[in-house]
Amino acid sequence: MLSDFNLARNIGVFADAPTSSLARFLDQLLRYSKTNQNRAIA
């Protein structure tokens, strides 16, 4: 799921205006999950 999202973002699928807000939301969600993983490890 996350790898597919990264691939789509790299290709530029989320560059369209209607999906830009969704892309920002998914990006924030991805960063949030990474932060939580780092806290869990530490």
N, C-alpha and C. Protein backbone atom coordinates (compact mmCIF):
# COMPACT_ATOMS: atom_id res chain seq x y z
N MET A 1 0.84 -1.21 0.00
CA MET A 1 0.00 0.00 0.00
C MET A 1 0.87 1.25 0.00
N LEU A 2 1.77 1.35 1.01
CA LEU A 2 2.61 2.54 1.10
C LEU A 2 3.59 2.60 -0.07
N SER A 3 4.11 1.44 -0.48
CA SER A 3 5.05 1.45 -1.61
C SER A 3 4.32 1.87 -2.88
N ASP A 4 3.08 1.43 -3.04
CA ASP A 4 2.29 1.83 -4.21
C ASP A 4 2.06 3.33 -4.20
N PHE A 5 1.80 3.89 -3.01
CA PHE A 5 1.58 5.33 -2.89
C PHE A 5 2.84 6.09 -3.26
N ASN A 6 3.99 5.62 -2.77
CA ASN A 6 5.26 6.28 -3.09
C ASN A 6 5.53 6.22 -4.59
N LEU A 7 5.25 5.09 -5.21
CA LEU A 7 5.46 4.94 -6.64
C LEU A 7 4.57 5.91 -7.41
N ALA A 8 3.31 5.99 -7.01
CA ALA A 8 2.37 6.89 -7.69
C ALA A 8 2.79 8.34 -7.51
N ARG A 9 3.29 8.68 -6.32
CA ARG A 9 3.71 10.06 -6.07
C ARG A 9 4.93 10.39 -6.91
N ASN A 10 5.85 9.44 -7.05
CA ASN A 10 7.05 9.68 -7.85
C ASN A 10 6.69 9.88 -9.32
N ILE A 11 5.73 9.13 -9.80
CA ILE A 11 5.32 9.26 -11.20
C ILE A 11 4.62 10.60 -11.42
N GLY A 12 3.99 11.12 -10.38
CA GLY A 12 3.32 12.41 -10.51
C GLY A 12 1.81 12.28 -10.64
N VAL A 13 1.27 11.14 -10.23
CA VAL A 13 -0.17 10.94 -10.33
C VAL A 13 -0.92 11.96 -9.48
N PHE A 14 -0.33 12.30 -8.31
CA PHE A 14 -1.00 13.21 -7.39
C PHE A 14 -0.73 14.68 -7.72
N ALA A 15 -0.17 14.94 -8.89
CA ALA A 15 0.11 16.33 -9.26
C ALA A 15 -1.16 17.05 -9.70
N ASP A 16 -2.21 16.29 -10.02
CA ASP A 16 -3.47 16.91 -10.45
C ASP A 16 -4.10 17.67 -9.30
N ALA A 17 -4.74 18.78 -9.62
CA ALA A 17 -5.33 19.65 -8.60
C ALA A 17 -6.38 18.93 -7.75
N PRO A 18 -7.30 18.16 -8.31
CA PRO A 18 -8.34 17.53 -7.49
C PRO A 18 -7.78 16.56 -6.45
N THR A 19 -6.61 16.01 -6.71
CA THR A 19 -6.06 15.00 -5.80
C THR A 19 -4.94 15.56 -4.95
N SER A 20 -4.61 16.84 -5.13
CA SER A 20 -3.48 17.41 -4.38
C SER A 20 -3.74 17.40 -2.89
N SER A 21 -4.98 17.71 -2.49
CA SER A 21 -5.31 17.71 -1.06
C SER A 21 -5.23 16.29 -0.51
N LEU A 22 -5.67 15.31 -1.30
CA LEU A 22 -5.59 13.92 -0.87
C LEU A 22 -4.14 13.50 -0.73
N ALA A 23 -3.30 13.93 -1.66
CA ALA A 23 -1.88 13.60 -1.60
C ALA A 23 -1.25 14.19 -0.35
N ARG A 24 -1.60 15.44 -0.02
CA ARG A 24 -1.05 16.06 1.19
C ARG A 24 -1.50 15.29 2.43
N PHE A 25 -2.77 14.88 2.44
CA PHE A 25 -3.29 14.13 3.58
C PHE A 25 -2.55 12.80 3.73
N LEU A 26 -2.37 12.09 2.63
CA LEU A 26 -1.67 10.81 2.67
C LEU A 26 -0.22 11.00 3.08
N ASP A 27 0.40 12.09 2.62
CA ASP A 27 1.79 12.36 2.97
C ASP A 27 1.92 12.64 4.46
N GLN A 28 0.99 13.41 5.01
CA GLN A 28 1.01 13.69 6.45
C GLN A 28 0.78 12.41 7.23
N LEU A 29 -0.13 11.57 6.74
CA LEU A 29 -0.42 10.31 7.42
C LEU A 29 0.81 9.41 7.40
N LEU A 30 1.53 9.40 6.27
CA LEU A 30 2.73 8.58 6.15
C LEU A 30 3.81 9.07 7.12
N ARG A 31 3.99 10.40 7.20
CA ARG A 31 4.98 10.96 8.12
C ARG A 31 4.59 10.65 9.56
N TYR A 32 3.30 10.73 9.87
CA TYR A 32 2.82 10.47 11.23
C TYR A 32 3.10 9.02 11.62
N SER A 33 2.84 8.09 10.70
CA SER A 33 3.07 6.68 10.99
C SER A 33 4.57 6.41 11.17
N LYS A 34 5.41 7.07 10.36
CA LYS A 34 6.85 6.91 10.51
C LYS A 34 7.31 7.43 11.86
N THR A 35 6.75 8.56 12.29
CA THR A 35 7.12 9.14 13.58
C THR A 35 6.74 8.20 14.71
N ASN A 36 5.56 7.61 14.62
CA ASN A 36 5.12 6.68 15.65
C ASN A 36 6.00 5.43 15.67
N GLN A 37 6.43 4.97 14.52
CA GLN A 37 7.31 3.81 14.46
C GLN A 37 8.64 4.12 15.11
N ASN A 38 9.16 5.33 14.86
CA ASN A 38 10.43 5.72 15.46
C ASN A 38 10.31 5.79 16.98
N ARG A 39 9.19 6.30 17.48
CA ARG A 39 8.97 6.37 18.92
C ARG A 39 8.88 4.98 19.51
N ALA A 40 8.22 4.07 18.80
CA ALA A 40 8.06 2.71 19.31
C ALA A 40 9.42 2.01 19.39
N ILE A 41 10.27 2.26 18.40
CA ILE A 41 11.60 1.64 18.39
C ILE A 41 12.46 2.23 19.50
N ALA A 42 12.38 3.53 19.68
CA ALA A 42 13.19 4.21 20.68
C ALA A 42 12.58 4.07 22.07
